[in-house]
């Protein structure tokens, strides 16, 4: 179990570095995407992308 957690932590950290954001920020994005996916599985990626555009325009 610890190996799986370490692997997820490494993947999240690598993704954060790749996209130039912090690890907590990546975790917030991942959580938001998962919540959107639960509400609207077919449209999750589109809704998530629209939300990111709005956040970027707002300077977040």
PDB file of N, CA and C in Angstrom:
ATOM      1  N   UNK A   1       0.825  -1.190   0.000  1.00  0.00           N
ATOM      2  CA  UNK A   1       0.000   0.000   0.000  1.00  0.00           C
ATOM      3  C   UNK A   1       0.870   1.255   0.000  1.00  0.00           C
ATOM      4  N   UNK A   2       1.920   1.277   0.793  1.00  0.00           N
ATOM      5  CA  UNK A   2       2.801   2.440   0.834  1.00  0.00           C
ATOM      6  C   UNK A   2       3.471   2.683  -0.510  1.00  0.00           C
ATOM      7  N   UNK A   3       3.788   1.617  -1.230  1.00  0.00           N
ATOM      8  CA  UNK A   3       4.410   1.767  -2.545  1.00  0.00           C
ATOM      9  C   UNK A   3       3.457   2.456  -3.515  1.00  0.00           C
ATOM     10  N   UNK A   4       2.181   2.102  -3.450  1.00  0.00           N
ATOM     11  CA  UNK A   4       1.187   2.725  -4.332  1.00  0.00           C
ATOM     12  C   UNK A   4       1.027   4.206  -3.997  1.00  0.00           C
ATOM     13  N   UNK A   5       1.015   4.537  -2.725  1.00  0.00           N
ATOM     14  CA  UNK A   5       0.901   5.935  -2.303  1.00  0.00           C
ATOM     15  C   UNK A   5       2.129   6.720  -2.748  1.00  0.00           C
ATOM     16  N   UNK A   6       3.301   6.131  -2.583  1.00  0.00           N
ATOM     17  CA  UNK A   6       4.531   6.794  -3.023  1.00  0.00           C
ATOM     18  C   UNK A   6       4.532   7.016  -4.527  1.00  0.00           C
ATOM     19  N   UNK A   7       4.031   6.040  -5.271  1.00  0.00           N
ATOM     20  CA  UNK A   7       3.965   6.164  -6.728  1.00  0.00           C
ATOM     21  C   UNK A   7       3.013   7.295  -7.131  1.00  0.00           C
ATOM     22  N   UNK A   8       1.857   7.375  -6.479  1.00  0.00           N
ATOM     23  CA  UNK A   8       0.913   8.460  -6.764  1.00  0.00           C
ATOM     24  C   UNK A   8       1.501   9.825  -6.410  1.00  0.00           C
ATOM     25  N   UNK A   9       2.194   9.878  -5.298  1.00  0.00           N
ATOM     26  CA  UNK A   9       2.819  11.134  -4.875  1.00  0.00           C
ATOM     27  C   UNK A   9       3.876  11.570  -5.895  1.00  0.00           C
ATOM     28  N   UNK A  10       4.663  10.619  -6.373  1.00  0.00           N
ATOM     29  CA  UNK A  10       5.686  10.915  -7.380  1.00  0.00           C
ATOM     30  C   UNK A  10       5.050  11.379  -8.682  1.00  0.00           C
ATOM     31  N   UNK A  11       3.989  10.700  -9.105  1.00  0.00           N
ATOM     32  CA  UNK A  11       3.301  11.092 -10.337  1.00  0.00           C
ATOM     33  C   UNK A  11       2.734  12.504 -10.218  1.00  0.00           C
ATOM     34  N   UNK A  12       2.122  12.816  -9.088  1.00  0.00           N
ATOM     35  CA  UNK A  12       1.554  14.150  -8.878  1.00  0.00           C
ATOM     36  C   UNK A  12       2.655  15.205  -8.865  1.00  0.00           C
ATOM     37  N   UNK A  13       3.752  14.904  -8.209  1.00  0.00           N
ATOM     38  CA  UNK A  13       4.871  15.841  -8.143  1.00  0.00           C
ATOM     39  C   UNK A  13       5.470  16.075  -9.525  1.00  0.00           C
ATOM     40  N   UNK A  14       5.656  15.007 -10.287  1.00  0.00           N
ATOM     41  CA  UNK A  14       6.197  15.125 -11.643  1.00  0.00           C
ATOM     42  C   UNK A  14       5.266  15.935 -12.538  1.00  0.00           C
ATOM     43  N   UNK A  15       3.965  15.710 -12.401  1.00  0.00           N
ATOM     44  CA  UNK A  15       2.977  16.452 -13.194  1.00  0.00           C
ATOM     45  C   UNK A  15       3.013  17.933 -12.830  1.00  0.00           C
ATOM     46  N   UNK A  16       3.122  18.225 -11.549  1.00  0.00           N
ATOM     47  CA  UNK A  16       3.197  19.621 -11.104  1.00  0.00           C
ATOM     48  C   UNK A  16       4.418  20.308 -11.700  1.00  0.00           C
ATOM     49  N   UNK A  17       5.563  19.641 -11.651  1.00  0.00           N
ATOM     50  CA  UNK A  17       6.790  20.219 -12.211  1.00  0.00           C
ATOM     51  C   UNK A  17       6.659  20.423 -13.713  1.00  0.00           C
ATOM     52  N   UNK A  18       6.085  19.459 -14.395  1.00  0.00           N
ATOM     53  CA  UNK A  18       5.923  19.527 -15.847  1.00  0.00           C
ATOM     54  C   UNK A  18       5.090  20.736 -16.257  1.00  0.00           C
ATOM     55  N   UNK A  19       4.061  21.039 -15.477  1.00  0.00           N
ATOM     56  CA  UNK A  19       3.145  22.127 -15.820  1.00  0.00           C
ATOM     57  C   UNK A  19       3.458  23.436 -15.092  1.00  0.00           C
ATOM     58  N   UNK A  20       4.521  23.437 -14.306  1.00  0.00           N
ATOM     59  CA  UNK A  20       4.944  24.659 -13.638  1.00  0.00           C
ATOM     60  C   UNK A  20       4.008  25.148 -12.553  1.00  0.00           C
ATOM     61  N   UNK A  21       3.381  24.216 -11.852  1.00  0.00           N
ATOM     62  CA  UNK A  21       2.497  24.583 -10.745  1.00  0.00           C
ATOM     63  C   UNK A  21       2.939  23.838  -9.491  1.00  0.00           C
ATOM     64  N   UNK A  22       2.361  24.206  -8.373  1.00  0.00           N
ATOM     65  CA  UNK A  22       2.718  23.556  -7.116  1.00  0.00           C
ATOM     66  C   UNK A  22       1.983  22.226  -6.964  1.00  0.00           C
ATOM     67  N   UNK A  23       2.518  21.384  -6.119  1.00  0.00           N
ATOM     68  CA  UNK A  23       1.879  20.093  -5.851  1.00  0.00           C
ATOM     69  C   UNK A  23       0.470  20.273  -5.276  1.00  0.00           C
ATOM     70  N   UNK A  24       0.255  21.174  -4.301  1.00  0.00           N
ATOM     71  CA  UNK A  24      -1.115  21.368  -3.810  1.00  0.00           C
ATOM     72  C   UNK A  24      -2.074  21.815  -4.911  1.00  0.00           C
ATOM     73  N   UNK A  25      -1.576  22.631  -5.838  1.00  0.00           N
ATOM     74  CA  UNK A  25      -2.422  23.098  -6.937  1.00  0.00           C
ATOM     75  C   UNK A  25      -2.850  21.925  -7.821  1.00  0.00           C
ATOM     76  N   UNK A  26      -1.925  21.037  -8.133  1.00  0.00           N
ATOM     77  CA  UNK A  26      -2.251  19.847  -8.933  1.00  0.00           C
ATOM     78  C   UNK A  26      -3.280  19.001  -8.200  1.00  0.00           C
ATOM     79  N   UNK A  27      -3.127  18.850  -6.891  1.00  0.00           N
ATOM     80  CA  UNK A  27      -4.074  18.043  -6.120  1.00  0.00           C
ATOM     81  C   UNK A  27      -5.462  18.673  -6.119  1.00  0.00           C
ATOM     82  N   UNK A  28      -5.532  19.997  -6.070  1.00  0.00           N
ATOM     83  CA  UNK A  28      -6.826  20.687  -6.145  1.00  0.00           C
ATOM     84  C   UNK A  28      -7.455  20.442  -7.510  1.00  0.00           C
ATOM     85  N   UNK A  29      -6.659  20.571  -8.585  1.00  0.00           N
ATOM     86  CA  UNK A  29      -7.179  20.335  -9.933  1.00  0.00           C
ATOM     87  C   UNK A  29      -7.679  18.899 -10.088  1.00  0.00           C
ATOM     88  N   UNK A  30      -6.907  17.950  -9.588  1.00  0.00           N
ATOM     89  CA  UNK A  30      -7.298  16.544  -9.703  1.00  0.00           C
ATOM     90  C   UNK A  30      -8.588  16.269  -8.932  1.00  0.00           C
ATOM     91  N   UNK A  31      -8.701  16.835  -7.747  1.00  0.00           N
ATOM     92  CA  UNK A  31      -9.911  16.659  -6.948  1.00  0.00           C
ATOM     93  C   UNK A  31     -11.110  17.292  -7.636  1.00  0.00           C
ATOM     94  N   UNK A  32     -10.918  18.493  -8.166  1.00  0.00           N
ATOM     95  CA  UNK A  32     -12.013  19.173  -8.877  1.00  0.00           C
ATOM     96  C   UNK A  32     -12.471  18.345 -10.067  1.00  0.00           C
ATOM     97  N   UNK A  33     -11.523  17.821 -10.827  1.00  0.00           N
ATOM     98  CA  UNK A  33     -11.881  17.011 -11.989  1.00  0.00           C
ATOM     99  C   UNK A  33     -12.672  15.771 -11.561  1.00  0.00           C
ATOM    100  N   UNK A  34     -12.237  15.112 -10.516  1.00  0.00           N
ATOM    101  CA  UNK A  34     -12.934  13.910 -10.044  1.00  0.00           C
ATOM    102  C   UNK A  34     -14.352  14.238  -9.586  1.00  0.00           C
ATOM    103  N   UNK A  35     -14.532  15.369  -8.913  1.00  0.00           N
ATOM    104  CA  UNK A  35     -15.875  15.771  -8.482  1.00  0.00           C
ATOM    105  C   UNK A  35     -16.764  16.077  -9.686  1.00  0.00           C
ATOM    106  N   UNK A  36     -16.224  16.783 -10.671  1.00  0.00           N
ATOM    107  CA  UNK A  36     -16.988  17.078 -11.888  1.00  0.00           C
ATOM    108  C   UNK A  36     -17.353  15.777 -12.593  1.00  0.00           C
ATOM    109  N   UNK A  37     -16.419  14.848 -12.641  1.00  0.00           N
ATOM    110  CA  UNK A  37     -16.646  13.565 -13.316  1.00  0.00           C
ATOM    111  C   UNK A  37     -17.776  12.780 -12.655  1.00  0.00           C
ATOM    112  N   UNK A  38     -17.907  12.890 -11.346  1.00  0.00           N
ATOM    113  CA  UNK A  38     -18.986  12.195 -10.646  1.00  0.00           C
ATOM    114  C   UNK A  38     -20.344  12.780 -11.004  1.00  0.00           C
ATOM    115  N   UNK A  39     -20.395  14.090 -11.199  1.00  0.00           N
ATOM    116  CA  UNK A  39     -21.654  14.767 -11.511  1.00  0.00           C
ATOM    117  C   UNK A  39     -22.019  14.614 -12.984  1.00  0.00           C
ATOM    118  N   UNK A  40     -21.032  14.715 -13.848  1.00  0.00           N
ATOM    119  CA  UNK A  40     -21.281  14.694 -15.289  1.00  0.00           C
ATOM    120  C   UNK A  40     -20.181  13.910 -16.005  1.00  0.00           C
ATOM    121  N   UNK A  41     -20.237  12.573 -15.950  1.00  0.00           N
ATOM    122  CA  UNK A  41     -19.160  11.757 -16.510  1.00  0.00           C
ATOM    123  C   UNK A  41     -18.881  12.002 -17.996  1.00  0.00           C
ATOM    124  N   UNK A  42     -19.921  12.225 -18.781  1.00  0.00           N
ATOM    125  CA  UNK A  42     -19.730  12.377 -20.225  1.00  0.00           C
ATOM    126  C   UNK A  42     -19.116  13.719 -20.595  1.00  0.00           C
ATOM    127  N   UNK A  43     -19.359  14.738 -19.793  1.00  0.00           N
ATOM    128  CA  UNK A  43     -18.907  16.088 -20.121  1.00  0.00           C
ATOM    129  C   UNK A  43     -17.808  16.603 -19.199  1.00  0.00           C
ATOM    130  N   UNK A  44     -17.229  15.731 -18.392  1.00  0.00           N
ATOM    131  CA  UNK A  44     -16.297  16.172 -17.354  1.00  0.00           C
ATOM    132  C   UNK A  44     -15.108  16.946 -17.911  1.00  0.00           C
ATOM    133  N   UNK A  45     -14.474  16.447 -18.946  1.00  0.00           N
ATOM    134  CA  UNK A  45     -13.267  17.118 -19.440  1.00  0.00           C
ATOM    135  C   UNK A  45     -13.605  18.488 -20.013  1.00  0.00           C
ATOM    136  N   UNK A  46     -14.727  18.608 -20.696  1.00  0.00           N
ATOM    137  CA  UNK A  46     -15.132  19.897 -21.245  1.00  0.00           C
ATOM    138  C   UNK A  46     -15.455  20.908 -20.162  1.00  0.00           C
ATOM    139  N   UNK A  47     -16.187  20.471 -19.153  1.00  0.00           N
ATOM    140  CA  UNK A  47     -16.537  21.355 -18.034  1.00  0.00           C
ATOM    141  C   UNK A  47     -15.270  21.784 -17.300  1.00  0.00           C
ATOM    142  N   UNK A  48     -14.376  20.829 -17.083  1.00  0.00           N
ATOM    143  CA  UNK A  48     -13.121  21.123 -16.393  1.00  0.00           C
ATOM    144  C   UNK A  48     -12.290  22.125 -17.194  1.00  0.00           C
ATOM    145  N   UNK A  49     -12.203  21.935 -18.495  1.00  0.00           N
ATOM    146  CA  UNK A  49     -11.441  22.849 -19.351  1.00  0.00           C
ATOM    147  C   UNK A  49     -12.039  24.256 -19.312  1.00  0.00           C
ATOM    148  N   UNK A  50     -13.364  24.346 -19.360  1.00  0.00           N
ATOM    149  CA  UNK A  50     -14.023  25.654 -19.281  1.00  0.00           C
ATOM    150  C   UNK A  50     -13.734  26.328 -17.940  1.00  0.00           C
ATOM    151  N   UNK A  51     -13.751  25.549 -16.877  1.00  0.00           N
ATOM    152  CA  UNK A  51     -13.464  26.100 -15.552  1.00  0.00           C
ATOM    153  C   UNK A  51     -12.032  26.633 -15.484  1.00  0.00           C
ATOM    154  N   UNK A  52     -11.086  25.922 -16.086  1.00  0.00           N
ATOM    155  CA  UNK A  52      -9.700  26.388 -16.092  1.00  0.00           C
ATOM    156  C   UNK A  52      -9.553  27.697 -16.864  1.00  0.00           C
ATOM    157  N   UNK A  53     -10.267  27.822 -17.973  1.00  0.00           N
ATOM    158  CA  UNK A  53     -10.227  29.061 -18.760  1.00  0.00           C
ATOM    159  C   UNK A  53     -10.761  30.225 -17.927  1.00  0.00           C
ATOM    160  N   UNK A  54     -11.868  30.002 -17.239  1.00  0.00           N
ATOM    161  CA  UNK A  54     -12.455  31.052 -16.396  1.00  0.00           C
ATOM    162  C   UNK A  54     -11.481  31.446 -15.286  1.00  0.00           C
ATOM    163  N   UNK A  55     -10.866  30.454 -14.651  1.00  0.00           N
ATOM    164  CA  UNK A  55      -9.910  30.750 -13.584  1.00  0.00           C
ATOM    165  C   UNK A  55      -8.714  31.533 -14.114  1.00  0.00           C
ATOM    166  N   UNK A  56      -8.231  31.146 -15.284  1.00  0.00           N
ATOM    167  CA  UNK A  56      -7.078  31.836 -15.868  1.00  0.00           C
ATOM    168  C   UNK A  56      -7.426  33.293 -16.183  1.00  0.00           C
ATOM    169  N   UNK A  57      -8.616  33.516 -16.735  1.00  0.00           N
ATOM    170  CA  UNK A  57      -9.048  34.883 -17.037  1.00  0.00           C
ATOM    171  C   UNK A  57      -9.193  35.710 -15.764  1.00  0.00           C
ATOM    172  N   UNK A  58      -9.584  35.050 -14.686  1.00  0.00           N
ATOM    173  CA  UNK A  58      -9.768  35.741 -13.410  1.00  0.00           C
ATOM    174  C   UNK A  58      -8.441  35.978 -12.695  1.00  0.00           C
ATOM    175  N   UNK A  59      -7.376  35.402 -13.233  1.00  0.00           N
ATOM    176  CA  UNK A  59      -6.061  35.583 -12.634  1.00  0.00           C
ATOM    177  C   UNK A  59      -5.758  34.625 -11.510  1.00  0.00           C
ATOM    178  N   UNK A  60      -6.537  33.573 -11.405  1.00  0.00           N
ATOM    179  CA  UNK A  60      -6.320  32.589 -10.334  1.00  0.00           C
ATOM    180  C   UNK A  60      -5.236  31.606 -10.715  1.00  0.00           C
TER     181      UNK A  60
END
